[in-house]
Amino acid sequence: MTHCTLRIISPVSLVVLIWAVTLVIGLLPLAFPDSMELALYFIRRQNALSGGIAEAITPLASLWLLLMLLVFVLGSKLAAVSLPARPRAFDLRTDFDQAARATFAINLAIVAIVLLWVLLTARQLGGFRALVIMVQLDVLEAREQLLGNKLFTGMRLLYGALPSTGTLAAALLAANSRAGGMSRTARRLCLFTLMLDLALLTVLPIVMSQRLLLVLLIMGAYFSACMVHRRLVGVQYIPLGIGLFLTTWTLREALSNASIDASATAIGLQKLVFYFTNDLMNSFLPLNQGPESEHSYGYFSFRFLLFFTQTDGFFQNLLADKLERINTVRGGGTWSIFVMPYVDFGAVGAAVYVAALGALSRFVFHKGAESVFWAAAYSHFAAAFALSTHTTYFANANFTAILLFTWLIAGWTKRKPSPQAPRRGSHFKFSQPGS
């Protein structure tokens, strides 16, 4: 099979693709109302104050979204002009064995804390069997019990950072398959880390929410492998990843919507369609307010800073009236990357934010083909772009934590004095993006 170049997973390509998919799937309830009764029910329930799909999609809002797409492309192109035409040779001086040990150790610490959290909560409820019964009867109450039993502030952030170690383990395995050099023990540590994280994020989101963590890990592992190889790899396994996500999604939705008289498959798939439709509506509703729009001065776009500085409560009280009015023009969830900056800063500020995001992501994409750590970092950017119609994940504290853990492991890992020269005719040579 002939592989496509890395341009297919570049920031611009991913943003264009996900917006096209969102438009197609999000408009299904409007095009086929008789077959999408459950999806329409979820939409009416979530958007009781915002009207229907047809009312939300207006020409002016459509023009704004198209303009922001062009601004994003412009920011990316300007950054590309300032970068070398091709990335440098892949960095082989990284001590991959030490990186594997660091990834395994940090992942084990995170997993131990998360499992201790679950086990102590189960103990308070009368045992693990009692927790399982609660999940079956009322999954939302089980989640509240877990959230109310955190061992320390920011503990949930460790759970949210699990994709970082799993993704880096996948990147290291890809680097070894491409260039060699890792010991058998190091390879096993990476494989164990990746499989453990996949297993945990397949099960834990059923009760602990944050279902997107499994999606982020799957996409991160795949994108990082592609960045290391500088081409698309393992395309035949993409359906397996999609199937894994849909299985977890369907199980979670069937449990949380047990009162609905329909099959688990119908509930799961139509709830997924609802999310696309809801995302589409969220990308139009704030733009339809015109001059009366309220703006929140960065509260949403820089939410991660508020979390890490523990000032969220202060600014929430300070902006309480504005936030209350703003929240009336969305049907739940958050806004896309082209709308959240507008809600925060207005038209000019949004254009600056989107252009800067386009430039930064293009830089990280270029560096991602040069080292295993940059490859892992870009994979999280790519995953965030793949979710860019659903949420501005760049503003989430989890995204910052994921990058921090990647940086921590990179800083812990030493570099060899000099790169090993590739043997003549070996497979050390990398294909260049766009070649």
Protein backbone atom coordinates (compact mmCIF):
# COMPACT_ATOMS: atom_id res chain seq x y z
CA MET A 1 0.00 0.00 0.00
CA THR A 2 1.28 3.46 -0.86
CA HIS A 3 1.36 5.71 2.18
CA CYS A 4 0.32 9.35 2.11
CA THR A 5 2.64 12.03 3.42
CA LEU A 6 2.50 13.67 6.81
CA ARG A 7 0.57 16.57 5.33
CA ILE A 8 -2.60 14.56 5.87
CA ILE A 9 -2.15 14.93 9.64
CA SER A 10 -0.88 18.52 9.51
CA PRO A 11 -2.88 21.08 11.53
CA VAL A 12 -4.67 22.58 8.52
CA SER A 13 -5.61 19.19 7.05
CA LEU A 14 -6.99 17.92 10.36
CA VAL A 15 -9.04 21.06 10.99
CA VAL A 16 -10.56 21.00 7.50
CA LEU A 17 -11.34 17.29 7.80
CA ILE A 18 -13.01 17.44 11.20
CA TRP A 19 -15.15 20.44 10.25
CA ALA A 20 -16.30 18.62 7.12
CA VAL A 21 -17.16 15.49 9.14
CA THR A 22 -18.99 17.58 11.77
CA LEU A 23 -21.10 19.28 9.11
CA VAL A 24 -22.06 15.98 7.47
CA ILE A 25 -22.90 14.09 10.69
CA GLY A 26 -24.29 17.09 12.57
CA LEU A 27 -26.87 17.79 9.90
CA LEU A 28 -28.16 14.18 9.79
CA PRO A 29 -31.05 14.85 12.24
CA LEU A 30 -32.14 17.75 10.05
CA ALA A 31 -31.91 15.69 6.86
CA PHE A 32 -33.42 12.46 8.28
CA PRO A 33 -35.70 13.38 11.20
CA ASP A 34 -37.68 10.13 11.08
CA SER A 35 -34.57 7.97 11.49
CA MET A 36 -32.98 10.22 14.11
CA GLU A 37 -35.74 10.47 16.70
CA LEU A 38 -33.40 9.76 19.62
CA ALA A 39 -30.84 12.30 18.42
CA LEU A 40 -33.58 14.94 18.07
CA TYR A 41 -34.81 14.08 21.57
CA PHE A 42 -31.33 14.64 22.99
CA ILE A 43 -31.03 17.92 21.05
CA ARG A 44 -34.37 19.24 22.34
CA ARG A 45 -33.47 18.22 25.88
CA GLN A 46 -30.07 19.94 25.75
CA ASN A 47 -31.07 23.01 23.73
CA ALA A 48 -34.44 23.84 25.23
CA LEU A 49 -33.62 27.57 25.30
CA SER A 50 -31.64 27.80 22.06
CA GLY A 51 -34.10 26.67 19.41
CA GLY A 52 -33.56 24.07 16.71
CA ILE A 53 -30.75 23.29 14.28
CA ALA A 54 -32.19 25.19 11.35
CA GLU A 55 -32.61 28.39 13.39
CA ALA A 56 -29.02 28.23 14.68
CA ILE A 57 -27.29 28.02 11.28
CA THR A 58 -27.22 31.55 9.86
CA PRO A 59 -25.30 33.03 6.89
CA LEU A 60 -23.41 35.57 9.04
CA ALA A 61 -22.19 32.92 11.48
CA SER A 62 -21.22 30.66 8.57
CA LEU A 63 -19.18 33.50 7.09
CA TRP A 64 -17.38 34.01 10.42
CA LEU A 65 -16.40 30.34 10.68
CA LEU A 66 -15.08 30.38 7.12
CA LEU A 67 -13.12 33.56 7.86
CA MET A 68 -11.55 32.01 10.98
CA LEU A 69 -10.56 28.95 8.96
CA LEU A 70 -8.76 31.25 6.51
CA VAL A 71 -7.07 33.09 9.41
CA PHE A 72 -5.89 29.75 10.85
CA VAL A 73 -4.48 28.73 7.46
CA LEU A 74 -2.76 32.11 7.13
CA GLY A 75 -1.12 31.76 10.56
CA SER A 76 0.08 28.28 9.66
CA LYS A 77 1.46 29.41 6.29
CA LEU A 78 3.31 32.38 7.81
CA ALA A 79 4.98 30.07 10.34
CA ALA A 80 5.90 27.61 7.56
CA VAL A 81 7.69 30.40 5.65
CA SER A 82 9.98 31.04 8.63
CA LEU A 83 10.85 27.34 9.05
CA PRO A 84 13.30 25.25 7.00
CA ALA A 85 11.74 23.57 3.98
CA ARG A 86 12.47 20.14 5.47
CA PRO A 87 12.97 19.03 9.08
CA ARG A 88 16.38 17.94 10.24
CA ALA A 89 17.38 14.29 10.49
CA PHE A 90 15.66 12.43 13.31
CA ASP A 91 17.52 12.75 16.63
CA LEU A 92 19.17 9.41 17.37
CA ARG A 93 21.16 10.70 20.34
CA THR A 94 18.21 10.22 22.68
CA ASP A 95 18.79 7.42 25.18
CA PHE A 96 15.64 5.49 24.31
CA ASP A 97 16.20 2.94 27.08
CA GLN A 98 16.29 5.65 29.73
CA ALA A 99 13.25 7.35 28.19
CA ALA A 100 11.38 4.02 28.35
CA ARG A 101 12.30 3.56 32.03
CA ALA A 102 11.26 7.13 32.87
CA THR A 103 7.96 6.73 31.01
CA PHE A 104 7.24 3.44 32.78
CA ALA A 105 8.10 4.83 36.24
CA ILE A 106 5.99 7.98 35.91
CA ASN A 107 3.09 6.04 34.41
CA LEU A 108 3.24 3.51 37.25
CA ALA A 109 3.10 6.32 39.81
CA ILE A 110 0.09 7.92 38.09
CA VAL A 111 -1.74 4.59 37.80
CA ALA A 112 -1.05 3.72 41.44
CA ILE A 113 -2.53 7.02 42.64
CA VAL A 114 -5.60 6.70 40.39
CA LEU A 115 -6.28 3.10 41.46
CA LEU A 116 -5.77 4.03 45.13
CA TRP A 117 -8.38 6.74 44.61
CA VAL A 118 -10.86 4.21 43.20
CA LEU A 119 -10.14 1.56 45.85
CA LEU A 120 -10.50 3.97 48.79
CA THR A 121 -13.80 5.22 47.36
CA ALA A 122 -14.99 1.63 46.98
CA ARG A 123 -13.99 0.94 50.58
CA GLN A 124 -16.08 3.86 51.82
CA LEU A 125 -19.06 2.56 49.87
CA GLY A 126 -18.77 -0.92 51.39
CA GLY A 127 -16.40 -2.63 48.99
CA PHE A 128 -15.64 -2.90 45.29
CA ARG A 129 -18.81 -4.93 44.69
CA ALA A 130 -20.88 -2.07 46.15
CA LEU A 131 -19.18 0.39 43.79
CA VAL A 132 -19.95 -1.85 40.80
CA ILE A 133 -23.61 -2.09 41.87
CA MET A 134 -23.79 1.69 42.21
CA VAL A 135 -22.35 2.09 38.71
CA GLN A 136 -25.07 -0.21 37.36
CA LEU A 137 -27.85 1.62 39.22
CA ASP A 138 -26.69 5.24 39.00
CA VAL A 139 -23.43 5.92 37.19
CA LEU A 140 -23.70 9.67 37.83
CA GLU A 141 -23.90 9.16 41.60
CA ALA A 142 -20.89 6.82 41.45
CA ARG A 143 -18.95 9.56 39.66
CA GLU A 144 -19.94 12.10 42.32
CA GLN A 145 -18.71 9.75 45.03
CA LEU A 146 -15.34 9.49 43.28
CA LEU A 147 -15.05 13.23 42.72
CA GLY A 148 -15.91 13.90 46.36
CA ASN A 149 -13.25 11.49 47.60
CA LYS A 150 -10.12 12.96 45.99
CA LEU A 151 -6.98 12.47 48.08
CA PHE A 152 -5.55 15.89 47.16
CA THR A 153 -6.29 18.93 44.99
CA GLY A 154 -5.53 18.31 41.33
CA MET A 155 -5.75 14.54 41.67
CA ARG A 156 -8.16 14.27 38.78
CA LEU A 157 -5.50 15.96 36.65
CA LEU A 158 -3.26 12.90 37.03
CA TYR A 159 -6.04 10.74 35.65
CA GLY A 160 -6.42 13.23 32.80
CA ALA A 161 -2.69 13.04 32.04
CA LEU A 162 -2.63 9.27 31.41
CA PRO A 163 -2.57 9.77 27.60
CA SER A 164 0.85 11.44 27.93
CA THR A 165 2.75 8.34 29.06
CA GLY A 166 0.83 5.96 26.81
CA THR A 167 1.48 8.18 23.80
CA LEU A 168 5.18 8.54 24.59
CA ALA A 169 5.49 4.76 25.00
CA ALA A 170 3.97 4.35 21.52
CA ALA A 171 6.38 6.96 20.11
CA LEU A 172 9.36 5.14 21.62
CA LEU A 173 8.22 1.81 20.17
CA ALA A 174 7.87 3.49 16.77
CA ALA A 175 11.36 4.98 17.07
CA ASN A 176 12.78 1.56 17.85
CA SER A 177 11.00 -0.07 14.93
CA ARG A 178 12.40 2.64 12.69
CA ALA A 179 15.95 3.02 14.01
CA GLY A 180 16.53 0.18 16.49
CA GLY A 181 18.70 0.56 19.55
CA MET A 182 16.28 -0.21 22.39
CA SER A 183 16.86 -3.18 24.65
CA ARG A 184 14.28 -5.93 24.95
CA THR A 185 13.49 -4.85 28.52
CA ALA A 186 12.87 -1.25 27.43
CA ARG A 187 10.57 -2.41 24.63
CA ARG A 188 8.59 -4.50 27.11
CA LEU A 189 8.27 -1.56 29.50
CA CYS A 190 6.88 0.61 26.70
CA LEU A 191 4.47 -2.08 25.55
CA PHE A 192 3.28 -2.68 29.11
CA THR A 193 2.76 1.06 29.65
CA LEU A 194 0.74 1.45 26.46
CA MET A 195 -1.42 -1.64 27.09
CA LEU A 196 -2.03 -0.72 30.73
CA ASP A 197 -3.16 2.79 29.82
CA LEU A 198 -5.41 1.48 27.06
CA ALA A 199 -7.01 -1.00 29.46
CA LEU A 200 -7.56 1.57 32.20
CA LEU A 201 -8.97 4.21 29.87
CA THR A 202 -11.30 1.64 28.35
CA VAL A 203 -12.82 0.87 31.77
CA LEU A 204 -12.40 3.90 34.03
CA PRO A 205 -14.29 6.45 31.86
CA ILE A 206 -17.43 4.36 32.30
CA VAL A 207 -17.63 5.62 35.87
CA MET A 208 -15.16 8.53 36.04
CA SER A 209 -16.30 10.38 32.90
CA GLN A 210 -13.75 12.06 30.60
CA ARG A 211 -14.50 9.55 27.87
CA LEU A 212 -12.33 11.57 25.52
CA LEU A 213 -9.19 10.36 27.32
CA LEU A 214 -9.35 7.03 25.52
CA VAL A 215 -9.81 8.86 22.21
CA LEU A 216 -6.85 11.11 23.03
CA LEU A 217 -4.65 8.11 23.85
CA ILE A 218 -5.60 6.19 20.72
CA MET A 219 -5.10 9.21 18.48
CA GLY A 220 -1.94 10.27 20.32
CA ALA A 221 -0.36 6.85 19.97
CA TYR A 222 -1.19 6.71 16.28
CA PHE A 223 -0.17 10.26 15.40
CA SER A 224 3.11 9.95 17.31
CA ALA A 225 4.01 6.77 15.42
CA CYS A 226 3.28 8.55 12.13
CA MET A 227 5.44 11.51 13.14
CA VAL A 228 8.37 9.25 14.02
CA HIS A 229 8.08 7.36 10.72
CA ARG A 230 7.33 10.59 8.82
CA ARG A 231 4.45 8.93 6.99
CA LEU A 232 1.11 7.34 7.75
CA VAL A 233 1.56 3.89 9.26
CA GLY A 234 -0.75 1.11 10.37
CA VAL A 235 -3.73 2.41 8.43
CA GLN A 236 -5.22 -1.09 8.62
CA TYR A 237 -5.50 -0.73 12.42
CA ILE A 238 -7.55 2.48 12.34
CA PRO A 239 -10.88 0.55 12.25
CA LEU A 240 -9.74 -1.37 15.35
CA GLY A 241 -9.18 1.90 17.23
CA ILE A 242 -12.53 3.26 16.11
CA GLY A 243 -14.20 0.03 17.18
CA LEU A 244 -12.57 0.18 20.61
CA PHE A 245 -13.83 3.72 21.12
CA LEU A 246 -17.36 2.94 19.90
CA THR A 247 -17.59 -0.09 22.19
CA THR A 248 -16.66 1.97 25.25
CA TRP A 249 -18.91 4.82 24.13
CA THR A 250 -21.92 2.56 23.59
CA LEU A 251 -21.47 0.84 26.97
CA ARG A 252 -21.14 4.18 28.77
CA GLU A 253 -24.18 5.73 27.03
CA ALA A 254 -26.33 2.62 27.56
CA LEU A 255 -25.56 2.77 31.30
CA SER A 256 -26.16 6.51 31.66
CA ASN A 257 -29.40 6.40 29.58
CA ALA A 258 -30.82 3.18 30.95
CA SER A 259 -34.35 4.65 31.19
CA ILE A 260 -34.60 5.06 27.40
CA ASP A 261 -36.49 2.25 25.67
CA ALA A 262 -34.07 1.48 22.85
CA SER A 263 -31.16 -0.83 22.10
CA ALA A 264 -27.68 0.00 23.39
CA THR A 265 -26.45 0.41 19.81
CA ALA A 266 -29.22 2.88 18.91
CA ILE A 267 -28.63 4.89 22.07
CA GLY A 268 -24.85 4.96 21.57
CA LEU A 269 -24.82 5.88 17.89
CA GLN A 270 -27.61 8.48 18.04
CA LYS A 271 -26.05 10.04 21.14
CA LEU A 272 -22.84 10.35 19.10
CA VAL A 273 -24.79 12.06 16.29
CA PHE A 274 -26.32 14.34 18.91
CA TYR A 275 -22.86 15.43 20.05
CA PHE A 276 -21.88 16.40 16.50
CA THR A 277 -25.13 18.33 16.11
CA ASN A 278 -24.73 19.98 19.49
CA ASP A 279 -21.14 20.95 18.59
CA LEU A 280 -22.39 22.45 15.34
CA MET A 281 -25.05 24.46 17.14
CA ASN A 282 -22.52 25.64 19.73
CA SER A 283 -20.39 26.97 16.88
CA PHE A 284 -23.26 29.10 15.61
CA LEU A 285 -25.29 30.23 18.62
CA PRO A 286 -22.82 32.78 20.13
CA LEU A 287 -22.19 34.28 16.69
CA ASN A 288 -25.89 35.00 16.21
CA GLN A 289 -26.00 37.46 19.13
CA GLY A 290 -24.59 40.32 17.07
CA PRO A 291 -23.62 43.55 18.88
CA GLU A 292 -25.29 42.28 22.06
CA SER A 293 -22.67 39.55 22.48
CA GLU A 294 -21.13 39.19 25.92
CA HIS A 295 -17.38 38.56 26.16
CA SER A 296 -15.52 36.95 29.04
CA TYR A 297 -12.00 38.40 28.63
CA GLY A 298 -10.13 35.11 28.33
CA TYR A 299 -11.98 33.14 31.01
CA PHE A 300 -12.57 30.16 28.72
CA SER A 301 -9.53 30.32 26.42
CA PHE A 302 -7.08 30.50 29.33
CA ARG A 303 -8.99 28.28 31.75
CA PHE A 304 -5.90 26.15 32.30
CA LEU A 305 -4.09 29.15 33.83
CA LEU A 306 -6.97 29.73 36.22
CA PHE A 307 -6.82 26.08 37.27
CA PHE A 308 -3.08 26.04 37.94
CA THR A 309 -3.17 29.38 39.76
CA GLN A 310 -6.28 28.38 41.77
CA THR A 311 -8.06 31.57 40.68
CA ASP A 312 -11.01 29.97 38.93
CA GLY A 313 -13.41 30.74 41.75
CA PHE A 314 -12.28 34.38 41.96
CA PHE A 315 -12.85 35.07 38.26
CA GLN A 316 -16.07 33.07 38.23
CA ASN A 317 -17.48 35.37 40.91
CA LEU A 318 -16.05 38.46 39.20
CA LEU A 319 -17.65 37.58 35.85
CA ALA A 320 -20.75 35.87 37.26
CA ASP A 321 -23.30 38.03 35.42
CA LYS A 322 -21.51 37.79 32.08
CA LEU A 323 -20.98 34.03 32.40
CA GLU A 324 -24.65 33.49 33.20
CA ARG A 325 -25.70 35.32 30.04
CA ILE A 326 -23.03 33.61 27.93
CA ASN A 327 -24.11 30.15 29.07
CA THR A 328 -27.60 30.73 27.67
CA VAL A 329 -26.22 30.58 24.11
CA ARG A 330 -24.86 27.07 24.16
CA GLY A 331 -26.46 23.69 24.53
CA GLY A 332 -23.93 22.14 26.87
CA GLY A 333 -20.25 21.34 26.49
CA THR A 334 -17.75 23.91 25.26
CA TRP A 335 -17.09 25.84 22.07
CA SER A 336 -14.94 25.09 19.04
CA ILE A 337 -11.54 26.65 18.37
CA PHE A 338 -13.13 29.28 16.10
CA VAL A 339 -15.82 30.30 18.58
CA MET A 340 -14.37 30.14 22.08
CA PRO A 341 -11.86 32.95 21.32
CA TYR A 342 -14.76 35.05 19.97
CA VAL A 343 -16.75 34.47 23.16
CA ASP A 344 -13.70 35.60 25.15
CA PHE A 345 -12.23 38.45 23.13
CA GLY A 346 -14.57 39.48 20.32
CA ALA A 347 -13.74 39.48 16.61
CA VAL A 348 -10.26 41.07 16.64
CA GLY A 349 -8.99 39.14 19.64
CA ALA A 350 -10.34 35.89 18.20
CA ALA A 351 -8.51 36.48 14.92
CA VAL A 352 -5.21 37.05 16.78
CA TYR A 353 -5.74 33.92 18.92
CA VAL A 354 -6.61 31.70 15.95
CA ALA A 355 -3.67 32.98 13.87
CA ALA A 356 -1.27 32.41 16.79
CA LEU A 357 -2.63 28.90 17.29
CA GLY A 358 -2.12 28.16 13.60
CA ALA A 359 1.48 29.40 13.75
CA LEU A 360 2.35 27.55 16.97
CA SER A 361 0.87 24.26 15.80
CA ARG A 362 2.76 24.50 12.49
CA PHE A 363 6.02 24.94 14.43
CA VAL A 364 5.31 21.93 16.66
CA PHE A 365 4.34 19.88 13.60
CA HIS A 366 7.69 20.69 11.97
CA LYS A 367 9.64 19.80 15.14
CA GLY A 368 7.60 16.63 15.57
CA ALA A 369 9.48 14.98 12.71
CA GLU A 370 12.84 15.64 14.40
CA SER A 371 12.65 13.88 17.79
CA VAL A 372 10.58 11.37 19.68
CA PHE A 373 9.52 13.91 22.31
CA TRP A 374 8.42 16.52 19.78
CA ALA A 375 6.57 13.73 17.94
CA ALA A 376 4.68 12.89 21.14
CA ALA A 377 3.98 16.60 21.77
CA TYR A 378 2.60 17.17 18.28
CA SER A 379 0.42 14.08 18.54
CA HIS A 380 -1.50 15.83 21.33
CA PHE A 381 -1.86 18.94 19.18
CA ALA A 382 -3.17 16.72 16.39
CA ALA A 383 -5.63 15.00 18.73
CA ALA A 384 -6.83 18.41 19.94
CA PHE A 385 -7.40 19.50 16.34
CA ALA A 386 -9.31 16.28 15.67
CA LEU A 387 -11.63 17.38 18.51
CA SER A 388 -11.61 21.04 17.52
CA THR A 389 -15.31 21.25 16.69
CA HIS A 390 -16.23 19.68 20.05
CA THR A 391 -13.92 21.61 22.34
CA THR A 392 -10.94 23.91 22.42
CA TYR A 393 -8.83 21.28 24.19
CA PHE A 394 -5.85 23.63 24.19
CA ALA A 395 -7.63 25.53 26.99
CA ASN A 396 -8.08 22.39 29.10
CA ALA A 397 -5.81 21.81 32.11
CA ASN A 398 -5.47 18.17 30.99
CA PHE A 399 -3.78 19.29 27.78
CA THR A 400 -1.26 21.36 29.74
CA ALA A 401 -0.64 18.47 32.15
CA ILE A 402 -0.05 16.08 29.24
CA LEU A 403 2.58 18.40 27.75
CA LEU A 404 4.18 18.93 31.18
CA PHE A 405 4.60 15.20 31.74
CA THR A 406 6.05 14.81 28.25
CA TRP A 407 8.49 17.66 28.99
CA LEU A 408 9.35 16.09 32.37
CA ILE A 409 10.30 12.77 30.80
CA ALA A 410 12.24 14.57 28.05
CA GLY A 411 14.19 16.49 30.69
CA TRP A 412 14.86 13.30 32.64
CA THR A 413 16.25 11.52 29.58
CA LYS A 414 19.92 11.92 28.77
CA ARG A 415 21.38 12.14 25.29
CA LYS A 416 24.16 9.97 23.97
CA PRO A 417 27.47 11.70 23.16
CA SER A 418 27.07 11.21 19.44
CA PRO A 419 24.52 9.57 17.14
CA GLN A 420 25.16 6.10 15.84
CA ALA A 421 26.00 6.17 12.17
CA PRO A 422 23.51 4.18 10.13
CA ARG A 423 24.80 1.13 8.37
CA ARG A 424 24.87 1.30 4.61
CA GLY A 425 21.60 0.09 3.19
CA SER A 426 19.92 0.03 6.62
CA HIS A 427 16.48 1.43 7.35
CA PHE A 428 17.69 4.44 9.33
CA LYS A 429 16.74 6.78 6.51
CA PHE A 430 13.47 8.69 6.92
CA SER A 431 11.19 9.83 4.18
CA GLN A 432 10.59 13.56 4.27
CA PRO A 433 7.14 15.11 4.64
CA GLY A 434 5.82 15.99 1.27
CA SER A 435 8.27 13.71 -0.54
